[in-house]
Amino acid sequence: MPRVIEFNEQKIISKALQVFWKKGYHATSMKDLVEATGLNPGSIYNTFGNKHDLFLACLKDYLNPIYTYDLKQKEAQKNPLELLREFYMEVVTNSVVNQDSCLSVKSCFELATTDDKTHQVLKNSMDKLFDIFEQMVINAQKARVVANKQDSFLLAQLIVATLPGLGQNFILYKDKNRIAKIIDNFLDMITK
């Protein structure tokens, strides 16, 4: 008779996520994961496969808000430029709020060049983020609050490209107002 799992996998992923986020993949040991989750190594291996599979589950969980973002619902509540600004700010500050880094950026530099699975998870989430920002730019252009002369795809690429720098700025200065001013300045440039 197979053994019944007696723990909540989502809670384990959340606890392991904090360890990977703080230490990075390579610096995280199985001992660290055992201490954080309260599980024995066998339970971790039986449930998730191995450290790498657990890491991928954690990374996907971290990136889940990008996939569940409901642009259509948000559009009904705010004007396109306000929504673009709010989402831009939210992505920057939420990515570093619990740790002093963005797990996506950290994982990209640590693993994406050597690990195909991590590369694909990160690329898929980046593509989704590009899509969200591009649609926001298109909507703002239709509402005539962002200049139509700007290519929506390139603007979305530029916005996403600024995220790591804004995250770094937030880490170093811990000042949401500073980030807001930078974002507002950028949005002013594309609305003229």
C-alpha atoms as a PDB file:
ATOM      1  CA  MET A   1       0.000   0.000   0.000  1.00  0.00           C
ATOM      2  CA  PRO A   2       1.507   3.352  -1.020  1.00  0.00           C
ATOM      3  CA  ARG A   3       2.294   5.828   1.682  1.00  0.00           C
ATOM      4  CA  VAL A   4      -0.104   8.760   1.944  1.00  0.00           C
ATOM      5  CA  ILE A   5       1.424  12.230   1.685  1.00  0.00           C
ATOM      6  CA  GLU A   6       0.854  13.950   5.007  1.00  0.00           C
ATOM      7  CA  PHE A   7       1.905  17.483   4.140  1.00  0.00           C
ATOM      8  CA  ASN A   8       0.787  20.309   1.911  1.00  0.00           C
ATOM      9  CA  GLU A   9       2.981  20.429  -1.197  1.00  0.00           C
ATOM     10  CA  GLN A  10       2.242  24.121  -1.781  1.00  0.00           C
ATOM     11  CA  LYS A  11       3.476  24.982   1.718  1.00  0.00           C
ATOM     12  CA  ILE A  12       6.656  22.991   1.096  1.00  0.00           C
ATOM     13  CA  ILE A  13       7.197  24.795  -2.206  1.00  0.00           C
ATOM     14  CA  SER A  14       6.672  28.150  -0.469  1.00  0.00           C
ATOM     15  CA  LYS A  15       9.211  27.302   2.228  1.00  0.00           C
ATOM     16  CA  ALA A  16      11.770  25.951  -0.246  1.00  0.00           C
ATOM     17  CA  LEU A  17      11.212  28.988  -2.478  1.00  0.00           C
ATOM     18  CA  GLN A  18      12.406  31.284   0.296  1.00  0.00           C
ATOM     19  CA  VAL A  19      15.643  29.295   0.592  1.00  0.00           C
ATOM     20  CA  PHE A  20      16.341  29.259  -3.154  1.00  0.00           C
ATOM     21  CA  TRP A  21      15.446  32.950  -3.367  1.00  0.00           C
ATOM     22  CA  LYS A  22      17.829  33.883  -0.582  1.00  0.00           C
ATOM     23  CA  LYS A  23      20.761  31.576  -1.377  1.00  0.00           C
ATOM     24  CA  GLY A  24      20.398  30.792  -5.066  1.00  0.00           C
ATOM     25  CA  TYR A  25      20.228  27.329  -6.551  1.00  0.00           C
ATOM     26  CA  HIS A  26      23.845  26.229  -6.236  1.00  0.00           C
ATOM     27  CA  ALA A  27      24.338  27.503  -2.677  1.00  0.00           C
ATOM     28  CA  THR A  28      21.190  25.757  -1.453  1.00  0.00           C
ATOM     29  CA  SER A  29      21.928  22.348   0.003  1.00  0.00           C
ATOM     30  CA  MET A  30      19.560  19.492   0.663  1.00  0.00           C
ATOM     31  CA  LYS A  31      20.237  20.144   4.362  1.00  0.00           C
ATOM     32  CA  ASP A  32      18.955  23.720   3.896  1.00  0.00           C
ATOM     33  CA  LEU A  33      15.795  22.414   2.259  1.00  0.00           C
ATOM     34  CA  VAL A  34      15.252  19.805   4.979  1.00  0.00           C
ATOM     35  CA  GLU A  35      15.626  22.478   7.676  1.00  0.00           C
ATOM     36  CA  ALA A  36      13.296  24.911   5.892  1.00  0.00           C
ATOM     37  CA  THR A  37      10.573  22.415   5.067  1.00  0.00           C
ATOM     38  CA  GLY A  38      10.755  20.130   8.076  1.00  0.00           C
ATOM     39  CA  LEU A  39      10.703  17.115   5.760  1.00  0.00           C
ATOM     40  CA  ASN A  40      13.305  14.396   5.598  1.00  0.00           C
ATOM     41  CA  PRO A  41      15.327  14.065   2.387  1.00  0.00           C
ATOM     42  CA  GLY A  42      13.400  10.953   1.344  1.00  0.00           C
ATOM     43  CA  SER A  43      10.085  12.792   1.454  1.00  0.00           C
ATOM     44  CA  ILE A  44      11.512  15.600  -0.661  1.00  0.00           C
ATOM     45  CA  TYR A  45      12.908  13.151  -3.233  1.00  0.00           C
ATOM     46  CA  ASN A  46       9.724  11.052  -3.282  1.00  0.00           C
ATOM     47  CA  THR A  47       7.494  14.089  -3.732  1.00  0.00           C
ATOM     48  CA  PHE A  48       9.531  16.353  -6.002  1.00  0.00           C
ATOM     49  CA  GLY A  49      12.129  14.068  -7.573  1.00  0.00           C
ATOM     50  CA  ASN A  50      15.321  15.926  -6.752  1.00  0.00           C
ATOM     51  CA  LYS A  51      16.623  19.335  -5.758  1.00  0.00           C
ATOM     52  CA  HIS A  52      16.434  20.608  -9.331  1.00  0.00           C
ATOM     53  CA  ASP A  53      12.826  19.501  -9.765  1.00  0.00           C
ATOM     54  CA  LEU A  54      11.913  21.178  -6.470  1.00  0.00           C
ATOM     55  CA  PHE A  55      13.701  24.326  -7.637  1.00  0.00           C
ATOM     56  CA  LEU A  56      11.715  24.332 -10.897  1.00  0.00           C
ATOM     57  CA  ALA A  57       8.470  23.934  -8.929  1.00  0.00           C
ATOM     58  CA  CYS A  58       9.525  26.895  -6.766  1.00  0.00           C
ATOM     59  CA  LEU A  59      10.487  29.011  -9.771  1.00  0.00           C
ATOM     60  CA  LYS A  60       7.163  28.294 -11.489  1.00  0.00           C
ATOM     61  CA  ASP A  61       5.343  29.194  -8.280  1.00  0.00           C
ATOM     62  CA  TYR A  62       7.290  32.466  -8.052  1.00  0.00           C
ATOM     63  CA  LEU A  63       6.413  33.300 -11.667  1.00  0.00           C
ATOM     64  CA  ASN A  64       2.769  32.286 -11.380  1.00  0.00           C
ATOM     65  CA  PRO A  65       1.447  35.859 -10.844  1.00  0.00           C
ATOM     66  CA  ILE A  66       2.576  36.704 -14.384  1.00  0.00           C
ATOM     67  CA  TYR A  67       0.436  33.881 -15.762  1.00  0.00           C
ATOM     68  CA  THR A  68      -2.589  34.670 -13.629  1.00  0.00           C
ATOM     69  CA  TYR A  69      -2.558  38.428 -14.255  1.00  0.00           C
ATOM     70  CA  ASP A  70      -5.995  39.325 -15.603  1.00  0.00           C
ATOM     71  CA  LEU A  71      -5.482  42.314 -17.879  1.00  0.00           C
ATOM     72  CA  LYS A  72      -9.083  42.383 -19.094  1.00  0.00           C
ATOM     73  CA  GLN A  73     -10.437  42.662 -15.561  1.00  0.00           C
ATOM     74  CA  LYS A  74      -7.933  45.375 -14.663  1.00  0.00           C
ATOM     75  CA  GLU A  75      -8.656  47.353 -17.845  1.00  0.00           C
ATOM     76  CA  ALA A  76     -12.255  47.822 -16.784  1.00  0.00           C
ATOM     77  CA  GLN A  77     -11.121  49.544 -13.580  1.00  0.00           C
ATOM     78  CA  LYS A  78      -8.374  51.953 -14.723  1.00  0.00           C
ATOM     79  CA  ASN A  79      -7.281  54.019 -17.688  1.00  0.00           C
ATOM     80  CA  PRO A  80      -4.559  52.353 -19.805  1.00  0.00           C
ATOM     81  CA  LEU A  81      -1.692  54.618 -18.760  1.00  0.00           C
ATOM     82  CA  GLU A  82      -2.547  54.334 -15.065  1.00  0.00           C
ATOM     83  CA  LEU A  83      -2.751  50.551 -15.420  1.00  0.00           C
ATOM     84  CA  LEU A  84       0.606  50.425 -17.223  1.00  0.00           C
ATOM     85  CA  ARG A  85       2.238  52.493 -14.483  1.00  0.00           C
ATOM     86  CA  GLU A  86       0.687  50.411 -11.704  1.00  0.00           C
ATOM     87  CA  PHE A  87       1.739  47.083 -13.227  1.00  0.00           C
ATOM     88  CA  TYR A  88       5.254  48.398 -13.956  1.00  0.00           C
ATOM     89  CA  MET A  89       5.635  49.473 -10.320  1.00  0.00           C
ATOM     90  CA  GLU A  90       4.109  46.241  -9.027  1.00  0.00           C
ATOM     91  CA  VAL A  91       6.491  44.034 -11.017  1.00  0.00           C
ATOM     92  CA  VAL A  92       9.543  45.956  -9.793  1.00  0.00           C
ATOM     93  CA  THR A  93       8.658  46.089  -6.116  1.00  0.00           C
ATOM     94  CA  ASN A  94       7.048  42.647  -5.789  1.00  0.00           C
ATOM     95  CA  SER A  95      10.031  40.924  -7.330  1.00  0.00           C
ATOM     96  CA  VAL A  96      12.295  42.082  -4.494  1.00  0.00           C
ATOM     97  CA  VAL A  97       9.905  42.608  -1.589  1.00  0.00           C
ATOM     98  CA  ASN A  98      10.705  39.440   0.386  1.00  0.00           C
ATOM     99  CA  GLN A  99      14.352  39.096  -0.559  1.00  0.00           C
ATOM    100  CA  ASP A 100      17.005  41.449  -1.797  1.00  0.00           C
ATOM    101  CA  SER A 101      16.805  40.185  -5.335  1.00  0.00           C
ATOM    102  CA  CYS A 102      14.468  39.021  -8.055  1.00  0.00           C
ATOM    103  CA  LEU A 103      14.463  35.227  -8.205  1.00  0.00           C
ATOM    104  CA  SER A 104      13.902  35.348 -11.950  1.00  0.00           C
ATOM    105  CA  VAL A 105      16.944  37.552 -12.562  1.00  0.00           C
ATOM    106  CA  LYS A 106      19.059  35.627 -10.057  1.00  0.00           C
ATOM    107  CA  SER A 107      18.110  32.311 -11.684  1.00  0.00           C
ATOM    108  CA  CYS A 108      18.733  33.673 -15.158  1.00  0.00           C
ATOM    109  CA  PHE A 109      22.297  34.645 -14.319  1.00  0.00           C
ATOM    110  CA  GLU A 110      22.961  31.528 -12.269  1.00  0.00           C
ATOM    111  CA  LEU A 111      21.368  28.820 -14.401  1.00  0.00           C
ATOM    112  CA  ALA A 112      19.776  29.881 -17.681  1.00  0.00           C
ATOM    113  CA  THR A 113      22.949  29.558 -19.734  1.00  0.00           C
ATOM    114  CA  THR A 114      23.651  26.002 -18.590  1.00  0.00           C
ATOM    115  CA  ASP A 115      20.252  24.529 -17.681  1.00  0.00           C
ATOM    116  CA  ASP A 116      17.749  24.106 -20.500  1.00  0.00           C
ATOM    117  CA  LYS A 117      14.738  23.541 -18.240  1.00  0.00           C
ATOM    118  CA  THR A 118      15.372  26.681 -16.192  1.00  0.00           C
ATOM    119  CA  HIS A 119      16.073  28.587 -19.402  1.00  0.00           C
ATOM    120  CA  GLN A 120      12.720  27.511 -20.850  1.00  0.00           C
ATOM    121  CA  VAL A 121      10.731  28.354 -17.691  1.00  0.00           C
ATOM    122  CA  LEU A 122      12.311  31.811 -17.571  1.00  0.00           C
ATOM    123  CA  LYS A 123      11.911  32.409 -21.305  1.00  0.00           C
ATOM    124  CA  ASN A 124       8.234  31.442 -21.187  1.00  0.00           C
ATOM    125  CA  SER A 125       7.587  33.834 -18.313  1.00  0.00           C
ATOM    126  CA  MET A 126       9.509  36.605 -20.082  1.00  0.00           C
ATOM    127  CA  ASP A 127       7.433  36.060 -23.215  1.00  0.00           C
ATOM    128  CA  LYS A 128       4.264  36.311 -21.141  1.00  0.00           C
ATOM    129  CA  LEU A 129       5.528  39.496 -19.485  1.00  0.00           C
ATOM    130  CA  PHE A 130       6.325  40.963 -22.925  1.00  0.00           C
ATOM    131  CA  ASP A 131       2.801  40.085 -24.062  1.00  0.00           C
ATOM    132  CA  ILE A 132       1.196  41.791 -21.061  1.00  0.00           C
ATOM    133  CA  PHE A 133       3.249  44.958 -21.437  1.00  0.00           C
ATOM    134  CA  GLU A 134       2.752  45.047 -25.206  1.00  0.00           C
ATOM    135  CA  GLN A 135      -1.016  44.769 -24.833  1.00  0.00           C
ATOM    136  CA  MET A 136      -0.948  47.533 -22.224  1.00  0.00           C
ATOM    137  CA  VAL A 137       1.019  49.757 -24.609  1.00  0.00           C
ATOM    138  CA  ILE A 138      -1.396  48.987 -27.466  1.00  0.00           C
ATOM    139  CA  ASN A 139      -4.350  49.824 -25.226  1.00  0.00           C
ATOM    140  CA  ALA A 140      -2.685  53.065 -24.130  1.00  0.00           C
ATOM    141  CA  GLN A 141      -2.001  53.952 -27.774  1.00  0.00           C
ATOM    142  CA  LYS A 142      -5.638  53.289 -28.696  1.00  0.00           C
ATOM    143  CA  ALA A 143      -6.685  55.588 -25.858  1.00  0.00           C
ATOM    144  CA  ARG A 144      -4.192  58.157 -27.222  1.00  0.00           C
ATOM    145  CA  VAL A 145      -2.257  58.386 -23.971  1.00  0.00           C
ATOM    146  CA  VAL A 146       0.911  56.834 -25.442  1.00  0.00           C
ATOM    147  CA  ALA A 147       2.338  58.104 -28.720  1.00  0.00           C
ATOM    148  CA  ASN A 148       1.316  55.979 -31.710  1.00  0.00           C
ATOM    149  CA  LYS A 149       4.675  56.627 -33.366  1.00  0.00           C
ATOM    150  CA  GLN A 150       6.196  54.188 -30.866  1.00  0.00           C
ATOM    151  CA  ASP A 151       6.336  50.500 -31.823  1.00  0.00           C
ATOM    152  CA  SER A 152       4.346  48.658 -29.148  1.00  0.00           C
ATOM    153  CA  PHE A 153       6.518  45.542 -29.309  1.00  0.00           C
ATOM    154  CA  LEU A 154       9.741  47.529 -28.920  1.00  0.00           C
ATOM    155  CA  LEU A 155       8.272  49.591 -26.084  1.00  0.00           C
ATOM    156  CA  ALA A 156       7.281  46.403 -24.262  1.00  0.00           C
ATOM    157  CA  GLN A 157      10.820  45.077 -24.788  1.00  0.00           C
ATOM    158  CA  LEU A 158      12.273  48.317 -23.417  1.00  0.00           C
ATOM    159  CA  ILE A 159      10.000  48.289 -20.372  1.00  0.00           C
ATOM    160  CA  VAL A 160      10.939  44.695 -19.527  1.00  0.00           C
ATOM    161  CA  ALA A 161      14.614  45.484 -20.096  1.00  0.00           C
ATOM    162  CA  THR A 162      14.448  48.230 -17.442  1.00  0.00           C
ATOM    163  CA  LEU A 163      13.006  45.947 -14.759  1.00  0.00           C
ATOM    164  CA  PRO A 164      16.315  44.516 -13.448  1.00  0.00           C
ATOM    165  CA  GLY A 165      17.800  48.008 -13.155  1.00  0.00           C
ATOM    166  CA  LEU A 166      14.766  49.308 -11.318  1.00  0.00           C
ATOM    167  CA  GLY A 167      14.872  46.261  -9.053  1.00  0.00           C
ATOM    168  CA  GLN A 168      18.533  46.952  -8.309  1.00  0.00           C
ATOM    169  CA  ASN A 169      17.701  50.582  -7.565  1.00  0.00           C
ATOM    170  CA  PHE A 170      14.945  49.504  -5.178  1.00  0.00           C
ATOM    171  CA  ILE A 171      17.255  47.020  -3.431  1.00  0.00           C
ATOM    172  CA  LEU A 172      19.935  49.635  -2.890  1.00  0.00           C
ATOM    173  CA  TYR A 173      17.732  52.561  -1.867  1.00  0.00           C
ATOM    174  CA  LYS A 174      14.558  50.886  -0.512  1.00  0.00           C
ATOM    175  CA  ASP A 175      12.617  53.869  -1.829  1.00  0.00           C
ATOM    176  CA  LYS A 176       9.351  53.222  -3.669  1.00  0.00           C
ATOM    177  CA  ASN A 177       8.969  56.948  -4.341  1.00  0.00           C
ATOM    178  CA  ARG A 178      12.278  56.976  -6.167  1.00  0.00           C
ATOM    179  CA  ILE A 179      11.139  54.061  -8.357  1.00  0.00           C
ATOM    180  CA  ALA A 180       7.787  55.735  -8.960  1.00  0.00           C
ATOM    181  CA  LYS A 181       9.534  58.910 -10.158  1.00  0.00           C
ATOM    182  CA  ILE A 182      11.740  56.931 -12.551  1.00  0.00           C
ATOM    183  CA  ILE A 183       8.708  55.084 -13.938  1.00  0.00           C
ATOM    184  CA  ASP A 184       6.732  58.323 -14.238  1.00  0.00           C
ATOM    185  CA  ASN A 185       9.632  59.964 -16.052  1.00  0.00           C
ATOM    186  CA  PHE A 186       9.861  57.036 -18.464  1.00  0.00           C
ATOM    187  CA  LEU A 187       6.109  57.088 -19.094  1.00  0.00           C
ATOM    188  CA  ASP A 188       6.270  60.861 -19.672  1.00  0.00           C
ATOM    189  CA  MET A 189       8.862  60.222 -22.395  1.00  0.00           C
ATOM    190  CA  ILE A 190       6.617  57.779 -24.258  1.00  0.00           C
ATOM    191  CA  THR A 191       3.463  59.862 -23.966  1.00  0.00           C
ATOM    192  CA  LYS A 192       4.854  62.834 -25.862  1.00  0.00           C
END
